[in-house]
Amino acid sequence: NDWTCQATMGHHSKHLNPIKVFDTDYENYEISYGCWSFHGL
């Protein structure tokens, strides 16, 4: 439930960002989904 891959963004960045592939059939569609909780409120 954390991520599918981790990725750098930009030529000089070494920070790894989460890449969240929710679902794909590889040939027709891909669904990306992410969620951020604010103290559970």
PDB file of all heavy atoms in Angstrom:
ATOM      1  N   ASN A   1       0.817  -1.218   0.000  1.00  0.00           N
ATOM      2  CA  ASN A   1       0.000   0.000   0.000  1.00  0.00           C
ATOM      3  C   ASN A   1       0.850   1.267   0.000  1.00  0.00           C
ATOM      4  O   ASN A   1       0.329   2.378   0.132  1.00  0.00           O
ATOM      5  CB  ASN A   1      -0.962   0.017   1.190  1.00  0.00           C
ATOM      6  CG  ASN A   1      -0.245  -0.007   2.534  1.00  0.00           C
ATOM      7  OD1 ASN A   1       0.774  -0.682   2.668  1.00  0.00           O
ATOM      8  ND2 ASN A   1      -0.756   0.693   3.510  1.00  0.00           N
ATOM      9  N   ASP A   2       2.184   1.124  -0.173  1.00  0.00           N
ATOM     10  CA  ASP A   2       3.066   2.286  -0.202  1.00  0.00           C
ATOM     11  C   ASP A   2       3.344   2.772  -1.621  1.00  0.00           C
ATOM     12  O   ASP A   2       3.117   3.931  -1.935  1.00  0.00           O
ATOM     13  CB  ASP A   2       4.397   1.971   0.483  1.00  0.00           C
ATOM     14  CG  ASP A   2       4.260   1.891   1.995  1.00  0.00           C
ATOM     15  OD1 ASP A   2       3.266   2.419   2.528  1.00  0.00           O
ATOM     16  OD2 ASP A   2       5.154   1.294   2.632  1.00  0.00           O
ATOM     17  N   TRP A   3       3.833   1.899  -2.500  1.00  0.00           N
ATOM     18  CA  TRP A   3       4.191   2.294  -3.859  1.00  0.00           C
ATOM     19  C   TRP A   3       4.493   1.070  -4.719  1.00  0.00           C
ATOM     20  O   TRP A   3       4.653  -0.043  -4.209  1.00  0.00           O
ATOM     21  CB  TRP A   3       5.397   3.244  -3.872  1.00  0.00           C
ATOM     22  CG  TRP A   3       6.522   2.917  -2.930  1.00  0.00           C
ATOM     23  CD1 TRP A   3       6.696   3.428  -1.680  1.00  0.00           C
ATOM     24  CD2 TRP A   3       7.619   2.003  -3.142  1.00  0.00           C
ATOM     25  NE1 TRP A   3       7.830   2.898  -1.098  1.00  0.00           N
ATOM     26  CE2 TRP A   3       8.420   2.035  -1.981  1.00  0.00           C
ATOM     27  CE3 TRP A   3       8.001   1.181  -4.189  1.00  0.00           C
ATOM     28  CZ2 TRP A   3       9.580   1.266  -1.839  1.00  0.00           C
ATOM     29  CZ3 TRP A   3       9.157   0.409  -4.059  1.00  0.00           C
ATOM     30  CH2 TRP A   3       9.928   0.462  -2.903  1.00  0.00           C
ATOM     31  N   THR A   4       4.561   1.318  -6.038  1.00  0.00           N
ATOM     32  CA  THR A   4       4.970   0.270  -6.976  1.00  0.00           C
ATOM     33  C   THR A   4       6.458   0.389  -7.273  1.00  0.00           C
ATOM     34  O   THR A   4       7.191  -0.597  -7.265  1.00  0.00           O
ATOM     35  CB  THR A   4       4.193   0.384  -8.297  1.00  0.00           C
ATOM     36  OG1 THR A   4       2.795   0.280  -8.033  1.00  0.00           O
ATOM     37  CG2 THR A   4       4.604  -0.714  -9.271  1.00  0.00           C
ATOM     38  N   CYS A   5       6.903   1.608  -7.573  1.00  0.00           N
ATOM     39  CA  CYS A   5       8.312   1.902  -7.809  1.00  0.00           C
ATOM     40  C   CYS A   5       8.660   3.186  -7.064  1.00  0.00           C
ATOM     41  O   CYS A   5       7.787   3.878  -6.544  1.00  0.00           O
ATOM     42  CB  CYS A   5       8.602   2.101  -9.299  1.00  0.00           C
ATOM     43  SG  CYS A   5       8.116   0.728 -10.384  1.00  0.00           S
ATOM     44  N   GLN A   6       9.949   3.494  -7.036  1.00  0.00           N
ATOM     45  CA  GLN A   6      10.415   4.782  -6.542  1.00  0.00           C
ATOM     46  C   GLN A   6      11.179   5.465  -7.662  1.00  0.00           C
ATOM     47  O   GLN A   6      11.846   4.809  -8.464  1.00  0.00           O
ATOM     48  CB  GLN A   6      11.314   4.608  -5.322  1.00  0.00           C
ATOM     49  CG  GLN A   6      10.577   4.069  -4.101  1.00  0.00           C
ATOM     50  CD  GLN A   6      11.515   3.847  -2.931  1.00  0.00           C
ATOM     51  OE1 GLN A   6      12.483   3.127  -3.027  1.00  0.00           O
ATOM     52  NE2 GLN A   6      11.216   4.504  -1.803  1.00  0.00           N
ATOM     53  N   ALA A   7      11.093   6.803  -7.725  1.00  0.00           N
ATOM     54  CA  ALA A   7      11.691   7.503  -8.862  1.00  0.00           C
ATOM     55  C   ALA A   7      12.301   8.833  -8.450  1.00  0.00           C
ATOM     56  O   ALA A   7      11.775   9.536  -7.592  1.00  0.00           O
ATOM     57  CB  ALA A   7      10.641   7.750  -9.940  1.00  0.00           C
ATOM     58  N   THR A   8      13.418   9.149  -9.093  1.00  0.00           N
ATOM     59  CA  THR A   8      13.966  10.495  -9.016  1.00  0.00           C
ATOM     60  C   THR A   8      13.208  11.359 -10.007  1.00  0.00           C
ATOM     61  O   THR A   8      12.670  10.869 -11.003  1.00  0.00           O
ATOM     62  CB  THR A   8      15.455  10.503  -9.374  1.00  0.00           C
ATOM     63  OG1 THR A   8      15.627   9.990 -10.718  1.00  0.00           O
ATOM     64  CG2 THR A   8      16.251   9.631  -8.414  1.00  0.00           C
ATOM     65  N   MET A   9      13.162  12.656  -9.742  1.00  0.00           N
ATOM     66  CA  MET A   9      12.513  13.605 -10.640  1.00  0.00           C
ATOM     67  C   MET A   9      13.466  14.775 -10.869  1.00  0.00           C
ATOM     68  O   MET A   9      13.783  15.504  -9.934  1.00  0.00           O
ATOM     69  CB  MET A   9      11.199  14.119 -10.040  1.00  0.00           C
ATOM     70  CG  MET A   9      10.125  13.065  -9.915  1.00  0.00           C
ATOM     71  SD  MET A   9       9.480  12.543 -11.512  1.00  0.00           S
ATOM     72  CE  MET A   9       8.265  11.325 -10.983  1.00  0.00           C
ATOM     73  N   GLY A  10      13.925  14.928 -12.093  1.00  0.00           N
ATOM     74  CA  GLY A  10      14.895  15.976 -12.397  1.00  0.00           C
ATOM     75  C   GLY A  10      16.296  15.411 -12.486  1.00  0.00           C
ATOM     76  O   GLY A  10      16.614  14.369 -11.880  1.00  0.00           O
ATOM     77  N   HIS A  11      17.148  16.091 -13.239  1.00  0.00           N
ATOM     78  CA  HIS A  11      18.494  15.588 -13.508  1.00  0.00           C
ATOM     79  C   HIS A  11      19.365  15.508 -12.261  1.00  0.00           C
ATOM     80  O   HIS A  11      20.219  14.637 -12.154  1.00  0.00           O
ATOM     81  CB  HIS A  11      19.180  16.482 -14.544  1.00  0.00           C
ATOM     82  CG  HIS A  11      18.585  16.383 -15.918  1.00  0.00           C
ATOM     83  ND1 HIS A  11      18.650  15.230 -16.682  1.00  0.00           N
ATOM     84  CD2 HIS A  11      17.903  17.287 -16.667  1.00  0.00           C
ATOM     85  CE1 HIS A  11      18.044  15.428 -17.838  1.00  0.00           C
ATOM     86  NE2 HIS A  11      17.576  16.664 -17.854  1.00  0.00           N
ATOM     87  N   HIS A  12      19.172  16.422 -11.321  1.00  0.00           N
ATOM     88  CA  HIS A  12      20.095  16.522 -10.200  1.00  0.00           C
ATOM     89  C   HIS A  12      19.510  16.001  -8.891  1.00  0.00           C
ATOM     90  O   HIS A  12      20.193  16.007  -7.865  1.00  0.00           O
ATOM     91  CB  HIS A  12      20.529  17.985 -10.021  1.00  0.00           C
ATOM     92  CG  HIS A  12      21.115  18.585 -11.261  1.00  0.00           C
ATOM     93  ND1 HIS A  12      22.321  18.163 -11.795  1.00  0.00           N
ATOM     94  CD2 HIS A  12      20.655  19.561 -12.089  1.00  0.00           C
ATOM     95  CE1 HIS A  12      22.589  18.859 -12.883  1.00  0.00           C
ATOM     96  NE2 HIS A  12      21.596  19.715 -13.089  1.00  0.00           N
ATOM     97  N   SER A  13      18.280  15.571  -8.912  1.00  0.00           N
ATOM     98  CA  SER A  13      17.649  15.110  -7.680  1.00  0.00           C
ATOM     99  C   SER A  13      17.939  13.636  -7.428  1.00  0.00           C
ATOM    100  O   SER A  13      17.890  12.812  -8.342  1.00  0.00           O
ATOM    101  CB  SER A  13      16.131  15.314  -7.755  1.00  0.00           C
ATOM    102  OG  SER A  13      15.498  14.748  -6.623  1.00  0.00           O
ATOM    103  N   LYS A  14      18.257  13.318  -6.186  1.00  0.00           N
ATOM    104  CA  LYS A  14      18.448  11.932  -5.788  1.00  0.00           C
ATOM    105  C   LYS A  14      17.321  11.451  -4.865  1.00  0.00           C
ATOM    106  O   LYS A  14      17.313  10.301  -4.448  1.00  0.00           O
ATOM    107  CB  LYS A  14      19.798  11.775  -5.082  1.00  0.00           C
ATOM    108  CG  LYS A  14      20.995  12.019  -6.001  1.00  0.00           C
ATOM    109  CD  LYS A  14      22.317  11.765  -5.278  1.00  0.00           C
ATOM    110  CE  LYS A  14      23.493  11.989  -6.222  1.00  0.00           C
ATOM    111  NZ  LYS A  14      24.796  11.754  -5.543  1.00  0.00           N
ATOM    112  N   HIS A  15      16.397  12.360  -4.567  1.00  0.00           N
ATOM    113  CA  HIS A  15      15.261  11.999  -3.719  1.00  0.00           C
ATOM    114  C   HIS A  15      14.349  11.032  -4.453  1.00  0.00           C
ATOM    115  O   HIS A  15      14.039  11.219  -5.624  1.00  0.00           O
ATOM    116  CB  HIS A  15      14.477  13.248  -3.329  1.00  0.00           C
ATOM    117  CG  HIS A  15      13.253  12.950  -2.532  1.00  0.00           C
ATOM    118  ND1 HIS A  15      13.301  12.518  -1.218  1.00  0.00           N
ATOM    119  CD2 HIS A  15      11.930  13.006  -2.869  1.00  0.00           C
ATOM    120  CE1 HIS A  15      12.065  12.334  -0.779  1.00  0.00           C
ATOM    121  NE2 HIS A  15      11.224  12.616  -1.749  1.00  0.00           N
ATOM    122  N   LEU A  16      13.926   9.982  -3.770  1.00  0.00           N
ATOM    123  CA  LEU A  16      13.069   8.975  -4.381  1.00  0.00           C
ATOM    124  C   LEU A  16      11.611   9.250  -4.048  1.00  0.00           C
ATOM    125  O   LEU A  16      11.216   9.261  -2.883  1.00  0.00           O
ATOM    126  CB  LEU A  16      13.469   7.575  -3.896  1.00  0.00           C
ATOM    127  CG  LEU A  16      14.835   7.083  -4.358  1.00  0.00           C
ATOM    128  CD1 LEU A  16      15.173   5.745  -3.713  1.00  0.00           C
ATOM    129  CD2 LEU A  16      14.891   6.959  -5.879  1.00  0.00           C
ATOM    130  N   ASN A  17      10.825   9.482  -5.081  1.00  0.00           N
ATOM    131  CA  ASN A  17       9.396   9.729  -4.948  1.00  0.00           C
ATOM    132  C   ASN A  17       8.613   8.451  -5.241  1.00  0.00           C
ATOM    133  O   ASN A  17       9.030   7.647  -6.081  1.00  0.00           O
ATOM    134  CB  ASN A  17       8.961  10.812  -5.939  1.00  0.00           C
ATOM    135  CG  ASN A  17       9.712  12.110  -5.742  1.00  0.00           C
ATOM    136  OD1 ASN A  17       9.374  12.908  -4.891  1.00  0.00           O
ATOM    137  ND2 ASN A  17      10.762  12.316  -6.545  1.00  0.00           N
ATOM    138  N   PRO A  18       7.478   8.254  -4.587  1.00  0.00           N
ATOM    139  CA  PRO A  18       6.684   7.049  -4.853  1.00  0.00           C
ATOM    140  C   PRO A  18       5.966   7.116  -6.198  1.00  0.00           C
ATOM    141  O   PRO A  18       5.373   8.133  -6.537  1.00  0.00           O
ATOM    142  CB  PRO A  18       5.685   7.020  -3.698  1.00  0.00           C
ATOM    143  CG  PRO A  18       5.542   8.463  -3.308  1.00  0.00           C
ATOM    144  CD  PRO A  18       6.887   9.089  -3.531  1.00  0.00           C
ATOM    145  N   ILE A  19       6.038   6.048  -6.965  1.00  0.00           N
ATOM    146  CA  ILE A  19       5.257   5.883  -8.188  1.00  0.00           C
ATOM    147  C   ILE A  19       4.199   4.833  -7.882  1.00  0.00           C
ATOM    148  O   ILE A  19       4.522   3.672  -7.590  1.00  0.00           O
ATOM    149  CB  ILE A  19       6.129   5.439  -9.375  1.00  0.00           C
ATOM    150  CG1 ILE A  19       7.199   6.488  -9.672  1.00  0.00           C
ATOM    151  CG2 ILE A  19       5.262   5.184 -10.610  1.00  0.00           C
ATOM    152  CD1 ILE A  19       6.670   7.817 -10.156  1.00  0.00           C
ATOM    153  N   LYS A  20       2.931   5.239  -7.955  1.00  0.00           N
ATOM    154  CA  LYS A  20       1.844   4.378  -7.503  1.00  0.00           C
ATOM    155  C   LYS A  20       0.994   3.926  -8.681  1.00  0.00           C
ATOM    156  O   LYS A  20       0.095   4.635  -9.120  1.00  0.00           O
ATOM    157  CB  LYS A  20       0.995   5.121  -6.464  1.00  0.00           C
ATOM    158  CG  LYS A  20       1.798   5.560  -5.244  1.00  0.00           C
ATOM    159  CD  LYS A  20       0.957   6.316  -4.242  1.00  0.00           C
ATOM    160  CE  LYS A  20       1.759   6.689  -3.011  1.00  0.00           C
ATOM    161  NZ  LYS A  20       0.942   7.375  -1.983  1.00  0.00           N
ATOM    162  N   VAL A  21       1.311   2.752  -9.201  1.00  0.00           N
ATOM    163  CA  VAL A  21       0.514   2.167 -10.286  1.00  0.00           C
ATOM    164  C   VAL A  21      -0.588   1.345  -9.639  1.00  0.00           C
ATOM    165  O   VAL A  21      -0.332   0.279  -9.066  1.00  0.00           O
ATOM    166  CB  VAL A  21       1.376   1.291 -11.223  1.00  0.00           C
ATOM    167  CG1 VAL A  21       0.519   0.725 -12.344  1.00  0.00           C
ATOM    168  CG2 VAL A  21       2.542   2.105 -11.781  1.00  0.00           C
ATOM    169  N   PHE A  22      -1.796   1.834  -9.736  1.00  0.00           N
ATOM    170  CA  PHE A  22      -2.926   1.181  -9.080  1.00  0.00           C
ATOM    171  C   PHE A  22      -3.378  -0.055  -9.859  1.00  0.00           C
ATOM    172  O   PHE A  22      -3.640  -1.111  -9.293  1.00  0.00           O
ATOM    173  CB  PHE A  22      -4.075   2.180  -8.944  1.00  0.00           C
ATOM    174  CG  PHE A  22      -5.242   1.659  -8.167  1.00  0.00           C
ATOM    175  CD1 PHE A  22      -5.127   1.414  -6.810  1.00  0.00           C
ATOM    176  CD2 PHE A  22      -6.456   1.423  -8.791  1.00  0.00           C
ATOM    177  CE1 PHE A  22      -6.210   0.932  -6.085  1.00  0.00           C
ATOM    178  CE2 PHE A  22      -7.538   0.945  -8.066  1.00  0.00           C
ATOM    179  CZ  PHE A  22      -7.412   0.695  -6.719  1.00  0.00           C
ATOM    180  N   ASP A  23      -3.455   0.083 -11.197  1.00  0.00           N
ATOM    181  CA  ASP A  23      -3.857  -1.050 -12.024  1.00  0.00           C
ATOM    182  C   ASP A  23      -3.518  -0.760 -13.482  1.00  0.00           C
ATOM    183  O   ASP A  23      -3.579   0.398 -13.921  1.00  0.00           O
ATOM    184  CB  ASP A  23      -5.360  -1.321 -11.884  1.00  0.00           C
ATOM    185  CG  ASP A  23      -5.749  -2.674 -12.465  1.00  0.00           C
ATOM    186  OD1 ASP A  23      -5.158  -3.680 -12.029  1.00  0.00           O
ATOM    187  OD2 ASP A  23      -6.617  -2.728 -13.348  1.00  0.00           O
ATOM    188  N   THR A  24      -3.141  -1.783 -14.218  1.00  0.00           N
ATOM    189  CA  THR A  24      -2.908  -1.656 -15.654  1.00  0.00           C
ATOM    190  C   THR A  24      -2.997  -3.026 -16.311  1.00  0.00           C
ATOM    191  O   THR A  24      -2.700  -4.047 -15.680  1.00  0.00           O
ATOM    192  CB  THR A  24      -1.530  -1.026 -15.950  1.00  0.00           C
ATOM    193  OG1 THR A  24      -1.373  -0.861 -17.364  1.00  0.00           O
ATOM    194  CG2 THR A  24      -0.391  -1.897 -15.441  1.00  0.00           C
ATOM    195  N   ASP A  25      -3.412  -3.024 -17.576  1.00  0.00           N
ATOM    196  CA  ASP A  25      -3.332  -4.253 -18.359  1.00  0.00           C
ATOM    197  C   ASP A  25      -2.165  -4.162 -19.341  1.00  0.00           C
ATOM    198  O   ASP A  25      -2.001  -5.037 -20.179  1.00  0.00           O
ATOM    199  CB  ASP A  25      -4.654  -4.534 -19.090  1.00  0.00           C
ATOM    200  CG  ASP A  25      -4.948  -3.517 -20.193  1.00  0.00           C
ATOM    201  OD1 ASP A  25      -4.233  -2.489 -20.292  1.00  0.00           O
ATOM    202  OD2 ASP A  25      -5.903  -3.746 -20.961  1.00  0.00           O
ATOM    203  N   TYR A  26      -1.379  -3.097 -19.237  1.00  0.00           N
ATOM    204  CA  TYR A  26      -0.170  -2.830 -20.024  1.00  0.00           C
ATOM    205  C   TYR A  26      -0.448  -2.467 -21.484  1.00  0.00           C
ATOM    206  O   TYR A  26       0.340  -1.756 -22.095  1.00  0.00           O
ATOM    207  CB  TYR A  26       0.798  -4.021 -19.989  1.00  0.00           C
ATOM    208  CG  TYR A  26       1.287  -4.367 -18.604  1.00  0.00           C
ATOM    209  CD1 TYR A  26       0.790  -5.483 -17.927  1.00  0.00           C
ATOM    210  CD2 TYR A  26       2.231  -3.580 -17.966  1.00  0.00           C
ATOM    211  CE1 TYR A  26       1.238  -5.799 -16.649  1.00  0.00           C
ATOM    212  CE2 TYR A  26       2.687  -3.884 -16.687  1.00  0.00           C
ATOM    213  CZ  TYR A  26       2.190  -5.001 -16.043  1.00  0.00           C
ATOM    214  OH  TYR A  26       2.626  -5.304 -14.769  1.00  0.00           O
ATOM    215  N   GLU A  27      -1.543  -2.916 -22.042  1.00  0.00           N
ATOM    216  CA  GLU A  27      -1.805  -2.728 -23.470  1.00  0.00           C
ATOM    217  C   GLU A  27      -2.833  -1.640 -23.762  1.00  0.00           C
ATOM    218  O   GLU A  27      -2.827  -1.053 -24.856  1.00  0.00           O
ATOM    219  CB  GLU A  27      -2.286  -4.036 -24.101  1.00  0.00           C
ATOM    220  CG  GLU A  27      -1.252  -5.152 -24.061  1.00  0.00           C
ATOM    221  CD  GLU A  27      -1.784  -6.432 -24.673  1.00  0.00           C
ATOM    222  OE1 GLU A  27      -2.989  -6.467 -25.031  1.00  0.00           O
ATOM    223  OE2 GLU A  27      -1.008  -7.392 -24.800  1.00  0.00           O
ATOM    224  N   ASN A  28      -3.715  -1.360 -22.797  1.00  0.00           N
ATOM    225  CA  ASN A  28      -4.826  -0.444 -23.073  1.00  0.00           C
ATOM    226  C   ASN A  28      -4.991   0.680 -22.061  1.00  0.00           C
ATOM    227  O   ASN A  28      -5.292   1.809 -22.439  1.00  0.00           O
ATOM    228  CB  ASN A  28      -6.139  -1.229 -23.145  1.00  0.00           C
ATOM    229  CG  ASN A  28      -6.131  -2.282 -24.222  1.00  0.00           C
ATOM    230  OD1 ASN A  28      -6.202  -1.976 -25.410  1.00  0.00           O
ATOM    231  ND2 ASN A  28      -6.036  -3.554 -23.814  1.00  0.00           N
ATOM    232  N   TYR A  29      -4.831   0.378 -20.782  1.00  0.00           N
ATOM    233  CA  TYR A  29      -5.113   1.388 -19.762  1.00  0.00           C
ATOM    234  C   TYR A  29      -4.140   1.284 -18.597  1.00  0.00           C
ATOM    235  O   TYR A  29      -3.541   0.237 -18.338  1.00  0.00           O
ATOM    236  CB  TYR A  29      -6.550   1.246 -19.246  1.00  0.00           C
ATOM    237  CG  TYR A  29      -6.744   0.076 -18.309  1.00  0.00           C
ATOM    238  CD1 TYR A  29      -6.546   0.214 -16.931  1.00  0.00           C
ATOM    239  CD2 TYR A  29      -7.119  -1.180 -18.789  1.00  0.00           C
ATOM    240  CE1 TYR A  29      -6.723  -0.866 -16.070  1.00  0.00           C
ATOM    241  CE2 TYR A  29      -7.289  -2.257 -17.939  1.00  0.00           C
ATOM    242  CZ  TYR A  29      -7.087  -2.097 -16.581  1.00  0.00           C
ATOM    243  OH  TYR A  29      -7.234  -3.157 -15.731  1.00  0.00           O
ATOM    244  N   GLU A  30      -4.022   2.399 -17.899  1.00  0.00           N
ATOM    245  CA  GLU A  30      -3.274   2.457 -16.651  1.00  0.00           C
ATOM    246  C   GLU A  30      -4.003   3.401 -15.713  1.00  0.00           C
ATOM    247  O   GLU A  30      -4.464   4.473 -16.132  1.00  0.00           O
ATOM    248  CB  GLU A  30      -1.850   2.949 -16.879  1.00  0.00           C
ATOM    249  CG  GLU A  30      -0.989   2.924 -15.631  1.00  0.00           C
ATOM    250  CD  GLU A  30      -0.515   4.308 -15.202  1.00  0.00           C
ATOM    251  OE1 GLU A  30      -1.082   5.312 -15.694  1.00  0.00           O
ATOM    252  OE2 GLU A  30       0.378   4.395 -14.371  1.00  0.00           O
ATOM    253  N   ILE A  31      -4.149   3.007 -14.453  1.00  0.00           N
ATOM    254  CA  ILE A  31      -4.804   3.824 -13.440  1.00  0.00           C
ATOM    255  C   ILE A  31      -3.783   4.200 -12.380  1.00  0.00           C
ATOM    256  O   ILE A  31      -3.146   3.332 -11.778  1.00  0.00           O
ATOM    257  CB  ILE A  31      -5.980   3.067 -12.774  1.00  0.00           C
ATOM    258  CG1 ILE A  31      -6.982   2.591 -13.822  1.00  0.00           C
ATOM    259  CG2 ILE A  31      -6.670   3.960 -11.741  1.00  0.00           C
ATOM    260  CD1 ILE A  31      -8.041   1.656 -13.271  1.00  0.00           C
ATOM    261  N   SER A  32      -3.618   5.499 -12.183  1.00  0.00           N
ATOM    262  CA  SER A  32      -2.758   6.002 -11.113  1.00  0.00           C
ATOM    263  C   SER A  32      -3.651   6.559 -10.011  1.00  0.00           C
ATOM    264  O   SER A  32      -4.614   7.281 -10.291  1.00  0.00           O
ATOM    265  CB  SER A  32      -1.834   7.105 -11.630  1.00  0.00           C
ATOM    266  OG  SER A  32      -0.970   6.620 -12.633  1.00  0.00           O
ATOM    267  N   TYR A  33      -3.310   6.250  -8.762  1.00  0.00           N
ATOM    268  CA  TYR A  33      -4.117   6.718  -7.636  1.00  0.00           C
ATOM    269  C   TYR A  33      -3.206   6.980  -6.446  1.00  0.00           C
ATOM    270  O   TYR A  33      -2.317   6.178  -6.132  1.00  0.00           O
ATOM    271  CB  TYR A  33      -5.173   5.680  -7.257  1.00  0.00           C
ATOM    272  CG  TYR A  33      -5.906   6.002  -5.962  1.00  0.00           C
ATOM    273  CD1 TYR A  33      -6.880   6.991  -5.926  1.00  0.00           C
ATOM    274  CD2 TYR A  33      -5.602   5.324  -4.791  1.00  0.00           C
ATOM    275  CE1 TYR A  33      -7.535   7.299  -4.742  1.00  0.00           C
ATOM    276  CE2 TYR A  33      -6.258   5.618  -3.606  1.00  0.00           C
ATOM    277  CZ  TYR A  33      -7.218   6.602  -3.590  1.00  0.00           C
ATOM    278  OH  TYR A  33      -7.863   6.917  -2.419  1.00  0.00           O
ATOM    279  N   GLY A  34      -3.411   8.095  -5.810  1.00  0.00           N
ATOM    280  CA  GLY A  34      -2.689   8.406  -4.589  1.00  0.00           C
ATOM    281  C   GLY A  34      -3.597   9.116  -3.610  1.00  0.00           C
ATOM    282  O   GLY A  34      -4.550   9.787  -3.998  1.00  0.00           O
ATOM    283  N   CYS A  35      -3.289   8.974  -2.329  1.00  0.00           N
ATOM    284  CA  CYS A  35      -4.127   9.569  -1.290  1.00  0.00           C
ATOM    285  C   CYS A  35      -3.241  10.049  -0.151  1.00  0.00           C
ATOM    286  O   CYS A  35      -2.260   9.386   0.213  1.00  0.00           O
ATOM    287  CB  CYS A  35      -5.141   8.545  -0.786  1.00  0.00           C
ATOM    288  SG  CYS A  35      -6.303   9.195   0.453  1.00  0.00           S
ATOM    289  N   TRP A  36      -3.603  11.213   0.397  1.00  0.00           N
ATOM    290  CA  TRP A  36      -2.864  11.808   1.500  1.00  0.00           C
ATOM    291  C   TRP A  36      -3.838  12.108   2.628  1.00  0.00           C
ATOM    292  O   TRP A  36      -4.835  12.795   2.437  1.00  0.00           O
ATOM    293  CB  TRP A  36      -2.175  13.099   1.038  1.00  0.00           C
ATOM    294  CG  TRP A  36      -1.155  12.841  -0.024  1.00  0.00           C
ATOM    295  CD1 TRP A  36       0.190  12.671   0.136  1.00  0.00           C
ATOM    296  CD2 TRP A  36      -1.409  12.707  -1.428  1.00  0.00           C
ATOM    297  NE1 TRP A  36       0.789  12.440  -1.074  1.00  0.00           N
ATOM    298  CE2 TRP A  36      -0.161  12.453  -2.055  1.00  0.00           C
ATOM    299  CE3 TRP A  36      -2.559  12.773  -2.223  1.00  0.00           C
ATOM    300  CZ2 TRP A  36      -0.040  12.268  -3.434  1.00  0.00           C
ATOM    301  CZ3 TRP A  36      -2.437  12.580  -3.590  1.00  0.00           C
ATOM    302  CH2 TRP A  36      -1.195  12.331  -4.178  1.00  0.00           C
ATOM    303  N   SER A  37      -3.512  11.615   3.815  1.00  0.00           N
ATOM    304  CA  SER A  37      -4.389  11.796   4.971  1.00  0.00           C
ATOM    305  C   SER A  37      -3.883  12.945   5.843  1.00  0.00           C
ATOM    306  O   SER A  37      -2.674  13.089   6.056  1.00  0.00           O
ATOM    307  CB  SER A  37      -4.434  10.509   5.806  1.00  0.00           C
ATOM    308  OG  SER A  37      -5.231  10.680   6.958  1.00  0.00           O
ATOM    309  N   PHE A  38      -4.816  13.766   6.319  1.00  0.00           N
ATOM    310  CA  PHE A  38      -4.492  14.887   7.187  1.00  0.00           C
ATOM    311  C   PHE A  38      -4.971  14.556   8.603  1.00  0.00           C
ATOM    312  O   PHE A  38      -6.106  14.861   8.973  1.00  0.00           O
ATOM    313  CB  PHE A  38      -5.128  16.170   6.650  1.00  0.00           C
ATOM    314  CG  PHE A  38      -4.579  16.589   5.318  1.00  0.00           C
ATOM    315  CD1 PHE A  38      -5.107  16.049   4.143  1.00  0.00           C
ATOM    316  CD2 PHE A  38      -3.523  17.478   5.218  1.00  0.00           C
ATOM    317  CE1 PHE A  38      -4.600  16.415   2.894  1.00  0.00           C
ATOM    318  CE2 PHE A  38      -3.014  17.842   3.978  1.00  0.00           C
ATOM    319  CZ  PHE A  38      -3.546  17.310   2.822  1.00  0.00           C
ATOM    320  N   HIS A  39      -4.081  13.871   9.328  1.00  0.00           N
ATOM    321  CA  HIS A  39      -4.338  13.491  10.721  1.00  0.00           C
ATOM    322  C   HIS A  39      -5.606  12.651  10.871  1.00  0.00           C
ATOM    323  O   HIS A  39      -6.211  12.624  11.938  1.00  0.00           O
ATOM    324  CB  HIS A  39      -4.431  14.738  11.607  1.00  0.00           C
ATOM    325  CG  HIS A  39      -3.233  15.631  11.513  1.00  0.00           C
ATOM    326  ND1 HIS A  39      -1.992  15.280  12.013  1.00  0.00           N
ATOM    327  CD2 HIS A  39      -3.077  16.866  10.939  1.00  0.00           C
ATOM    328  CE1 HIS A  39      -1.129  16.256  11.768  1.00  0.00           C
ATOM    329  NE2 HIS A  39      -1.753  17.222  11.112  1.00  0.00           N
ATOM    330  N   GLY A  40      -6.005  11.972   9.796  1.00  0.00           N
ATOM    331  CA  GLY A  40      -7.181  11.123   9.862  1.00  0.00           C
ATOM    332  C   GLY A  40      -8.491  11.871   9.844  1.00  0.00           C
ATOM    333  O   GLY A  40      -9.567  11.248   9.811  1.00  0.00           O
ATOM    334  N   LEU A  41      -8.428  13.216   9.859  1.00  0.00           N
ATOM    335  CA  LEU A  41      -9.654  14.013   9.860  1.00  0.00           C
ATOM    336  C   LEU A  41     -10.277  14.059   8.472  1.00  0.00           C
ATOM    337  O   LEU A  41     -11.480  13.872   8.293  1.00  0.00           O
ATOM    338  CB  LEU A  41      -9.364  15.437  10.348  1.00  0.00           C
ATOM    339  CG  LEU A  41     -10.552  16.390  10.396  1.00  0.00           C
ATOM    340  CD1 LEU A  41     -11.617  15.864  11.353  1.00  0.00           C
ATOM    341  CD2 LEU A  41     -10.108  17.793  10.819  1.00  0.00           C
TER     342      LEU A  41
END
